[in-house]
Amino acid sequence: MAERLSFRRLNEGWNAEPNSPGPCVAISGHDVLLRFLLNSFAFKYFSEEDQGVLRFENCVRYRLGATNDEGWYRGQCRYSKLAPKWGEFYEISGPDPNLMVPIDWKIAGGASTSSRHFLFYFRDETFECLADAWNFEPVPENALIHKLRAG
């Protein structure tokens, strides 16, 4: 039996702000940092201004581009009929013939041969990257770190 594309949800106990998360990308060596506002509506331990920062280690390529929630629900996204839910952070596994379909990929410079595919659907944008791993960036303003330490 042929392997199928699968989506593993990674955001347990947190998510991006649903209306205006303001995702932005920064490069740090061969790593990509993704910063966004956290969802204080669904997760009361976050305040409105709390940010999450994810680090994608040894990133080969990334994109922060088009595909909004309306396009996803209309089936205009290449993962619309495959990903379990809009607005989540996933790791995608399995053969993906449409991986390089978007033309707005940016080279990050990592040299990994075992890159994992990460996907985060924000309200008006989609972030994707190919990297070795991800983690919560330990910077003082990262509310995800504070939440983990507090339990």
N, C-alpha and C. Protein backbone atom coordinates (compact mmCIF):
# COMPACT_ATOMS: atom_id res chain seq x y z
N MET A 1 0.83 -1.18 0.00
CA MET A 1 0.00 0.00 0.00
C MET A 1 0.88 1.25 0.00
N ALA A 2 0.56 2.21 -0.84
CA ALA A 2 1.35 3.43 -0.97
C ALA A 2 1.16 4.32 0.26
N GLU A 3 2.25 4.97 0.65
CA GLU A 3 2.19 5.90 1.77
C GLU A 3 1.39 7.13 1.37
N ARG A 4 0.57 7.63 2.29
CA ARG A 4 -0.26 8.81 2.03
C ARG A 4 0.28 10.01 2.79
N LEU A 5 -0.10 11.18 2.33
CA LEU A 5 0.24 12.41 3.00
C LEU A 5 -0.50 12.45 4.33
N SER A 6 0.20 12.79 5.40
CA SER A 6 -0.46 12.87 6.71
C SER A 6 -0.08 14.18 7.40
N PHE A 7 -0.95 14.62 8.28
CA PHE A 7 -0.80 15.89 8.99
C PHE A 7 -0.85 15.62 10.49
N ARG A 8 0.22 16.00 11.19
CA ARG A 8 0.25 15.86 12.65
C ARG A 8 0.19 17.25 13.26
N ARG A 9 -0.85 17.49 14.04
CA ARG A 9 -1.03 18.80 14.67
C ARG A 9 -0.01 18.96 15.79
N LEU A 10 0.67 20.13 15.81
CA LEU A 10 1.74 20.39 16.76
C LEU A 10 1.38 21.40 17.84
N ASN A 11 0.33 22.17 17.65
CA ASN A 11 0.00 23.23 18.61
C ASN A 11 -1.00 22.74 19.65
N GLU A 12 -0.50 22.11 20.68
CA GLU A 12 -1.34 21.65 21.78
C GLU A 12 -1.31 22.68 22.91
N GLY A 13 -2.48 23.22 23.27
CA GLY A 13 -2.57 24.18 24.37
C GLY A 13 -2.25 25.61 23.99
N TRP A 14 -2.12 25.88 22.73
CA TRP A 14 -1.86 27.24 22.25
C TRP A 14 -2.20 27.31 20.76
N ASN A 15 -2.36 28.54 20.29
CA ASN A 15 -2.56 28.78 18.87
C ASN A 15 -2.36 30.27 18.60
N ALA A 16 -2.34 30.62 17.33
CA ALA A 16 -2.20 32.02 16.94
C ALA A 16 -3.51 32.77 17.13
N GLU A 17 -3.40 34.05 17.31
CA GLU A 17 -4.57 34.93 17.41
C GLU A 17 -5.40 34.75 16.13
N PRO A 18 -6.71 34.51 16.25
CA PRO A 18 -7.49 34.14 15.07
C PRO A 18 -7.81 35.28 14.10
N ASN A 19 -7.77 36.52 14.54
CA ASN A 19 -8.18 37.63 13.68
C ASN A 19 -7.02 38.36 13.03
N SER A 20 -6.02 38.68 13.81
CA SER A 20 -4.90 39.47 13.31
C SER A 20 -3.60 39.02 13.98
N PRO A 21 -3.11 37.84 13.63
CA PRO A 21 -1.93 37.30 14.32
C PRO A 21 -0.62 37.99 13.97
N GLY A 22 -0.58 38.68 12.83
CA GLY A 22 0.61 39.43 12.44
C GLY A 22 1.87 38.60 12.34
N PRO A 23 1.86 37.48 11.64
CA PRO A 23 3.08 36.67 11.56
C PRO A 23 4.20 37.41 10.84
N CYS A 24 5.41 37.25 11.35
CA CYS A 24 6.58 37.80 10.65
C CYS A 24 7.73 36.83 10.81
N VAL A 25 8.62 36.87 9.84
CA VAL A 25 9.74 35.93 9.75
C VAL A 25 11.04 36.70 9.90
N ALA A 26 11.97 36.10 10.62
CA ALA A 26 13.33 36.63 10.73
C ALA A 26 14.30 35.47 10.53
N ILE A 27 15.46 35.79 10.01
CA ILE A 27 16.49 34.78 9.76
C ILE A 27 17.58 34.93 10.81
N SER A 28 18.03 33.81 11.35
CA SER A 28 19.12 33.80 12.32
C SER A 28 20.07 32.67 11.91
N GLY A 29 21.11 33.02 11.17
CA GLY A 29 22.00 32.00 10.63
C GLY A 29 21.25 31.13 9.64
N HIS A 30 21.19 29.82 9.90
CA HIS A 30 20.44 28.90 9.05
C HIS A 30 19.07 28.58 9.65
N ASP A 31 18.69 29.31 10.68
CA ASP A 31 17.39 29.11 11.32
C ASP A 31 16.41 30.19 10.90
N VAL A 32 15.14 29.85 10.92
CA VAL A 32 14.07 30.81 10.65
C VAL A 32 13.24 30.95 11.91
N LEU A 33 12.99 32.20 12.30
CA LEU A 33 12.15 32.48 13.46
C LEU A 33 10.82 33.03 12.98
N LEU A 34 9.75 32.46 13.48
CA LEU A 34 8.39 32.88 13.14
C LEU A 34 7.76 33.46 14.39
N ARG A 35 7.39 34.73 14.32
CA ARG A 35 6.79 35.45 15.46
C ARG A 35 5.35 35.79 15.12
N PHE A 36 4.44 35.66 16.11
CA PHE A 36 3.02 35.92 15.89
C PHE A 36 2.35 36.16 17.24
N LEU A 37 1.19 36.79 17.19
CA LEU A 37 0.39 37.00 18.40
C LEU A 37 -0.33 35.71 18.76
N LEU A 38 -0.45 35.46 20.06
CA LEU A 38 -1.10 34.25 20.54
C LEU A 38 -2.59 34.46 20.77
N ASN A 39 -3.34 33.39 20.77
CA ASN A 39 -4.79 33.42 20.91
C ASN A 39 -5.18 33.52 22.39
N SER A 40 -5.49 34.74 22.82
CA SER A 40 -5.92 34.96 24.21
C SER A 40 -7.41 34.74 24.38
N PHE A 41 -8.14 34.58 23.29
CA PHE A 41 -9.58 34.30 23.37
C PHE A 41 -9.82 32.86 23.83
N ALA A 42 -9.13 31.93 23.22
CA ALA A 42 -9.32 30.50 23.53
C ALA A 42 -8.43 30.04 24.68
N PHE A 43 -7.30 30.72 24.89
CA PHE A 43 -6.35 30.30 25.91
C PHE A 43 -6.16 31.47 26.88
N LYS A 44 -6.91 31.45 27.95
CA LYS A 44 -6.99 32.59 28.89
C LYS A 44 -5.68 32.89 29.60
N TYR A 45 -4.72 31.97 29.61
CA TYR A 45 -3.44 32.25 30.27
C TYR A 45 -2.56 33.17 29.43
N PHE A 46 -2.97 33.49 28.19
CA PHE A 46 -2.27 34.48 27.38
C PHE A 46 -3.01 35.79 27.44
N SER A 47 -2.27 36.90 27.42
CA SER A 47 -2.90 38.22 27.32
C SER A 47 -2.90 38.64 25.85
N GLU A 48 -3.63 39.71 25.54
CA GLU A 48 -3.80 40.14 24.15
C GLU A 48 -2.49 40.43 23.43
N GLU A 49 -1.50 40.91 24.13
CA GLU A 49 -0.24 41.29 23.48
C GLU A 49 0.83 40.19 23.51
N ASP A 50 0.51 39.04 24.06
CA ASP A 50 1.50 37.96 24.14
C ASP A 50 1.86 37.42 22.75
N GLN A 51 3.16 37.20 22.58
CA GLN A 51 3.67 36.68 21.30
C GLN A 51 4.22 35.28 21.48
N GLY A 52 4.13 34.52 20.40
CA GLY A 52 4.80 33.23 20.32
C GLY A 52 5.92 33.35 19.31
N VAL A 53 7.02 32.68 19.58
CA VAL A 53 8.15 32.68 18.66
C VAL A 53 8.59 31.23 18.48
N LEU A 54 8.53 30.75 17.25
CA LEU A 54 8.97 29.41 16.91
C LEU A 54 10.28 29.50 16.14
N ARG A 55 11.21 28.63 16.48
CA ARG A 55 12.48 28.55 15.75
C ARG A 55 12.47 27.26 14.94
N PHE A 56 12.78 27.39 13.65
CA PHE A 56 12.90 26.25 12.75
C PHE A 56 14.38 26.08 12.44
N GLU A 57 14.94 25.00 12.95
CA GLU A 57 16.38 24.79 12.91
C GLU A 57 16.86 24.24 11.57
N ASN A 58 17.98 24.78 11.12
CA ASN A 58 18.62 24.36 9.87
C ASN A 58 17.60 24.35 8.73
N CYS A 59 16.96 25.46 8.55
CA CYS A 59 15.90 25.60 7.55
C CYS A 59 16.50 25.69 6.14
N VAL A 60 15.94 24.90 5.26
CA VAL A 60 16.39 24.90 3.87
C VAL A 60 15.66 25.98 3.08
N ARG A 61 14.33 26.01 3.23
CA ARG A 61 13.51 27.02 2.54
C ARG A 61 12.26 27.27 3.35
N TYR A 62 11.65 28.46 3.12
CA TYR A 62 10.43 28.84 3.83
C TYR A 62 9.60 29.75 2.95
N ARG A 63 8.35 29.92 3.34
CA ARG A 63 7.48 30.88 2.67
C ARG A 63 6.43 31.37 3.66
N LEU A 64 6.09 32.63 3.55
CA LEU A 64 4.97 33.24 4.26
C LEU A 64 4.17 33.94 3.18
N GLY A 65 3.09 33.33 2.75
CA GLY A 65 2.40 33.86 1.59
C GLY A 65 0.91 33.61 1.60
N ALA A 66 0.36 33.81 0.43
CA ALA A 66 -1.08 33.75 0.23
C ALA A 66 -1.65 32.39 0.58
N THR A 67 -2.86 32.39 0.83
CA THR A 67 -3.85 31.37 1.17
C THR A 67 -4.44 31.82 2.49
N ASN A 68 -5.63 32.32 2.39
CA ASN A 68 -6.32 32.75 3.59
C ASN A 68 -7.42 31.75 3.93
N ASP A 69 -8.13 32.02 5.01
CA ASP A 69 -9.16 31.09 5.45
C ASP A 69 -10.27 30.93 4.41
N GLU A 70 -10.62 32.01 3.71
CA GLU A 70 -11.67 31.91 2.68
C GLU A 70 -11.24 30.99 1.55
N GLY A 71 -10.00 31.13 1.09
CA GLY A 71 -9.48 30.27 0.04
C GLY A 71 -9.42 28.81 0.47
N TRP A 72 -9.07 28.60 1.74
CA TRP A 72 -8.98 27.23 2.25
C TRP A 72 -10.36 26.57 2.25
N TYR A 73 -11.36 27.28 2.75
CA TYR A 73 -12.71 26.71 2.81
C TYR A 73 -13.32 26.53 1.42
N ARG A 74 -12.87 27.30 0.45
CA ARG A 74 -13.36 27.15 -0.93
C ARG A 74 -12.60 26.08 -1.71
N GLY A 75 -11.62 25.44 -1.07
CA GLY A 75 -10.85 24.39 -1.73
C GLY A 75 -9.77 24.91 -2.65
N GLN A 76 -9.34 26.17 -2.47
CA GLN A 76 -8.34 26.77 -3.34
C GLN A 76 -6.91 26.56 -2.85
N CYS A 77 -6.75 25.96 -1.70
CA CYS A 77 -5.43 25.68 -1.14
C CYS A 77 -5.06 24.25 -1.48
N ARG A 78 -3.78 23.99 -1.73
CA ARG A 78 -3.40 22.63 -2.13
C ARG A 78 -3.59 21.61 -1.03
N TYR A 79 -3.80 22.05 0.21
CA TYR A 79 -4.06 21.12 1.31
C TYR A 79 -5.49 21.23 1.85
N SER A 80 -6.36 21.99 1.18
CA SER A 80 -7.74 22.21 1.66
C SER A 80 -8.48 20.92 1.96
N LYS A 81 -8.37 19.95 1.11
CA LYS A 81 -9.14 18.72 1.28
C LYS A 81 -8.34 17.65 2.02
N LEU A 82 -7.12 18.00 2.45
CA LEU A 82 -6.25 17.03 3.11
C LEU A 82 -5.99 17.36 4.58
N ALA A 83 -5.69 18.62 4.87
CA ALA A 83 -5.40 19.01 6.26
C ALA A 83 -6.68 18.91 7.09
N PRO A 84 -6.56 18.43 8.30
CA PRO A 84 -7.76 18.23 9.12
C PRO A 84 -8.53 19.51 9.45
N LYS A 85 -7.82 20.64 9.66
CA LYS A 85 -8.51 21.83 10.14
C LYS A 85 -7.73 23.08 9.77
N TRP A 86 -8.45 24.15 9.49
CA TRP A 86 -7.83 25.43 9.22
C TRP A 86 -7.29 26.03 10.52
N GLY A 87 -6.23 26.82 10.42
CA GLY A 87 -5.74 27.61 11.55
C GLY A 87 -4.82 26.89 12.50
N GLU A 88 -4.32 25.73 12.12
CA GLU A 88 -3.47 24.94 13.01
C GLU A 88 -2.04 24.89 12.50
N PHE A 89 -1.14 24.38 13.36
CA PHE A 89 0.27 24.20 13.06
C PHE A 89 0.52 22.70 12.90
N TYR A 90 1.02 22.30 11.73
CA TYR A 90 1.17 20.89 11.40
C TYR A 90 2.59 20.54 10.97
N GLU A 91 2.91 19.26 11.12
CA GLU A 91 4.03 18.67 10.41
C GLU A 91 3.41 17.75 9.38
N ILE A 92 3.85 17.89 8.13
CA ILE A 92 3.33 17.09 7.03
C ILE A 92 4.34 15.99 6.71
N SER A 93 3.85 14.77 6.60
CA SER A 93 4.70 13.62 6.26
C SER A 93 4.14 12.90 5.06
N GLY A 94 5.01 12.21 4.36
CA GLY A 94 4.58 11.41 3.22
C GLY A 94 4.91 12.10 1.92
N PRO A 95 4.73 11.38 0.82
CA PRO A 95 5.04 11.95 -0.50
C PRO A 95 4.10 13.09 -0.85
N ASP A 96 4.67 14.19 -1.28
CA ASP A 96 3.88 15.39 -1.59
C ASP A 96 4.27 15.92 -2.97
N PRO A 97 3.56 15.50 -4.01
CA PRO A 97 3.90 15.96 -5.35
C PRO A 97 3.68 17.45 -5.57
N ASN A 98 2.93 18.10 -4.68
CA ASN A 98 2.64 19.53 -4.82
C ASN A 98 3.49 20.41 -3.91
N LEU A 99 4.50 19.83 -3.27
CA LEU A 99 5.31 20.58 -2.31
C LEU A 99 5.87 21.87 -2.90
N MET A 100 6.40 21.81 -4.10
CA MET A 100 7.07 22.98 -4.66
C MET A 100 6.18 23.80 -5.59
N VAL A 101 4.87 23.57 -5.54
CA VAL A 101 3.94 24.32 -6.38
C VAL A 101 3.98 25.83 -6.11
N PRO A 102 3.97 26.27 -4.84
CA PRO A 102 4.04 27.72 -4.63
C PRO A 102 5.36 28.27 -5.20
N ILE A 103 5.27 29.44 -5.79
CA ILE A 103 6.47 30.02 -6.40
C ILE A 103 7.16 31.05 -5.50
N ASP A 104 6.64 31.23 -4.28
CA ASP A 104 7.20 32.26 -3.40
C ASP A 104 8.11 31.70 -2.30
N TRP A 105 8.68 30.50 -2.49
CA TRP A 105 9.62 29.95 -1.53
C TRP A 105 10.87 30.83 -1.48
N LYS A 106 11.43 30.98 -0.29
CA LYS A 106 12.69 31.71 -0.11
C LYS A 106 13.72 30.72 0.42
N ILE A 107 14.93 30.84 -0.04
CA ILE A 107 16.03 29.98 0.40
C ILE A 107 16.56 30.50 1.73
N ALA A 108 16.66 29.61 2.71
CA ALA A 108 17.16 30.01 4.02
C ALA A 108 18.61 29.61 4.23
N GLY A 109 19.12 28.71 3.42
CA GLY A 109 20.54 28.39 3.46
C GLY A 109 20.92 27.15 4.24
N GLY A 110 19.99 26.52 4.93
CA GLY A 110 20.31 25.28 5.64
C GLY A 110 20.68 24.20 4.63
N ALA A 111 21.44 23.23 5.09
CA ALA A 111 21.91 22.20 4.17
C ALA A 111 21.39 20.82 4.55
N SER A 112 20.24 20.75 5.13
CA SER A 112 19.69 19.48 5.60
C SER A 112 19.24 18.60 4.44
N THR A 113 19.43 17.32 4.61
CA THR A 113 18.89 16.37 3.64
C THR A 113 17.69 15.64 4.23
N SER A 114 17.44 15.82 5.52
CA SER A 114 16.32 15.15 6.17
C SER A 114 15.27 16.15 6.63
N SER A 115 15.09 17.22 5.88
CA SER A 115 14.18 18.28 6.28
C SER A 115 12.75 17.80 6.46
N ARG A 116 12.14 18.32 7.50
CA ARG A 116 10.74 18.04 7.78
C ARG A 116 9.91 19.22 7.25
N HIS A 117 8.67 18.95 6.89
CA HIS A 117 7.80 19.97 6.31
C HIS A 117 6.83 20.46 7.38
N PHE A 118 6.91 21.76 7.72
CA PHE A 118 6.04 22.37 8.71
C PHE A 118 5.11 23.35 8.03
N LEU A 119 3.88 23.43 8.52
CA LEU A 119 2.84 24.27 7.92
C LEU A 119 2.03 24.91 9.03
N PHE A 120 1.86 26.24 8.96
CA PHE A 120 1.04 26.95 9.95
C PHE A 120 0.07 27.85 9.19
N TYR A 121 -1.22 27.56 9.35
CA TYR A 121 -2.26 28.38 8.72
C TYR A 121 -2.64 29.53 9.64
N PHE A 122 -2.36 30.74 9.20
CA PHE A 122 -2.82 31.94 9.90
C PHE A 122 -4.05 32.45 9.19
N ARG A 123 -4.68 33.46 9.73
CA ARG A 123 -5.94 33.94 9.13
C ARG A 123 -5.79 34.34 7.66
N ASP A 124 -4.81 35.17 7.36
CA ASP A 124 -4.68 35.68 6.00
C ASP A 124 -3.40 35.23 5.31
N GLU A 125 -2.63 34.39 5.95
CA GLU A 125 -1.36 33.95 5.38
C GLU A 125 -1.08 32.51 5.79
N THR A 126 -0.19 31.90 5.06
CA THR A 126 0.25 30.55 5.36
C THR A 126 1.77 30.56 5.47
N PHE A 127 2.28 29.96 6.54
CA PHE A 127 3.72 29.79 6.70
C PHE A 127 4.05 28.33 6.46
N GLU A 128 5.10 28.09 5.69
CA GLU A 128 5.60 26.74 5.47
C GLU A 128 7.11 26.79 5.52
N CYS A 129 7.72 25.71 5.96
CA CYS A 129 9.18 25.62 5.86
C CYS A 129 9.61 24.17 5.84
N LEU A 130 10.81 23.98 5.33
CA LEU A 130 11.49 22.69 5.34
C LEU A 130 12.69 22.87 6.26
N ALA A 131 12.69 22.17 7.38
CA ALA A 131 13.73 22.34 8.39
C ALA A 131 13.96 21.03 9.13
N ASP A 132 15.03 20.98 9.91
CA ASP A 132 15.34 19.77 10.68
C ASP A 132 14.41 19.60 11.87
N ALA A 133 14.04 20.70 12.53
CA ALA A 133 13.26 20.63 13.77
C ALA A 133 12.63 21.99 14.06
N TRP A 134 11.76 22.00 15.05
CA TRP A 134 11.18 23.26 15.51
C TRP A 134 11.19 23.24 17.04
N ASN A 135 11.19 24.43 17.62
CA ASN A 135 11.05 24.56 19.07
C ASN A 135 10.58 25.95 19.42
N PHE A 136 10.22 26.13 20.67
CA PHE A 136 9.83 27.45 21.16
C PHE A 136 11.11 28.24 21.40
N GLU A 137 11.24 29.38 20.75
CA GLU A 137 12.43 30.20 20.88
C GLU A 137 12.50 30.78 22.29
N PRO A 138 13.60 30.56 23.02
CA PRO A 138 13.69 31.05 24.40
C PRO A 138 14.10 32.52 24.50
N VAL A 139 13.26 33.41 24.01
CA VAL A 139 13.49 34.84 24.15
C VAL A 139 12.52 35.37 25.22
N PRO A 140 12.88 36.45 25.91
CA PRO A 140 12.05 36.92 27.02
C PRO A 140 10.59 37.20 26.66
N GLU A 141 10.32 37.66 25.43
CA GLU A 141 8.95 38.01 25.07
C GLU A 141 8.12 36.83 24.59
N ASN A 142 8.69 35.61 24.58
CA ASN A 142 7.95 34.45 24.09
C ASN A 142 7.04 33.91 25.19
N ALA A 143 5.77 34.21 25.08
CA ALA A 143 4.79 33.79 26.09
C ALA A 143 4.62 32.27 26.11
N LEU A 144 4.98 31.58 25.04
CA LEU A 144 4.90 30.12 25.02
C LEU A 144 5.88 29.51 26.03
N ILE A 145 7.06 30.09 26.14
CA ILE A 145 8.05 29.63 27.11
C ILE A 145 7.53 29.86 28.53
N HIS A 146 6.97 31.02 28.80
CA HIS A 146 6.44 31.32 30.13
C HIS A 146 5.33 30.35 30.50
N LYS A 147 4.47 30.00 29.54
CA LYS A 147 3.37 29.09 29.77
C LYS A 147 3.92 27.70 30.09
N LEU A 148 4.95 27.25 29.37
CA LEU A 148 5.54 25.93 29.63
C LEU A 148 6.19 25.86 31.00
N ARG A 149 6.86 26.92 31.40
CA ARG A 149 7.52 26.95 32.72
C ARG A 149 6.50 26.94 33.85
N ALA A 150 5.37 27.63 33.63
CA ALA A 150 4.34 27.71 34.66
C ALA A 150 3.54 26.42 34.75
N GLY A 151 3.54 25.65 33.67
CA GLY A 151 2.81 24.38 33.66
C GLY A 151 1.44 24.58 33.23
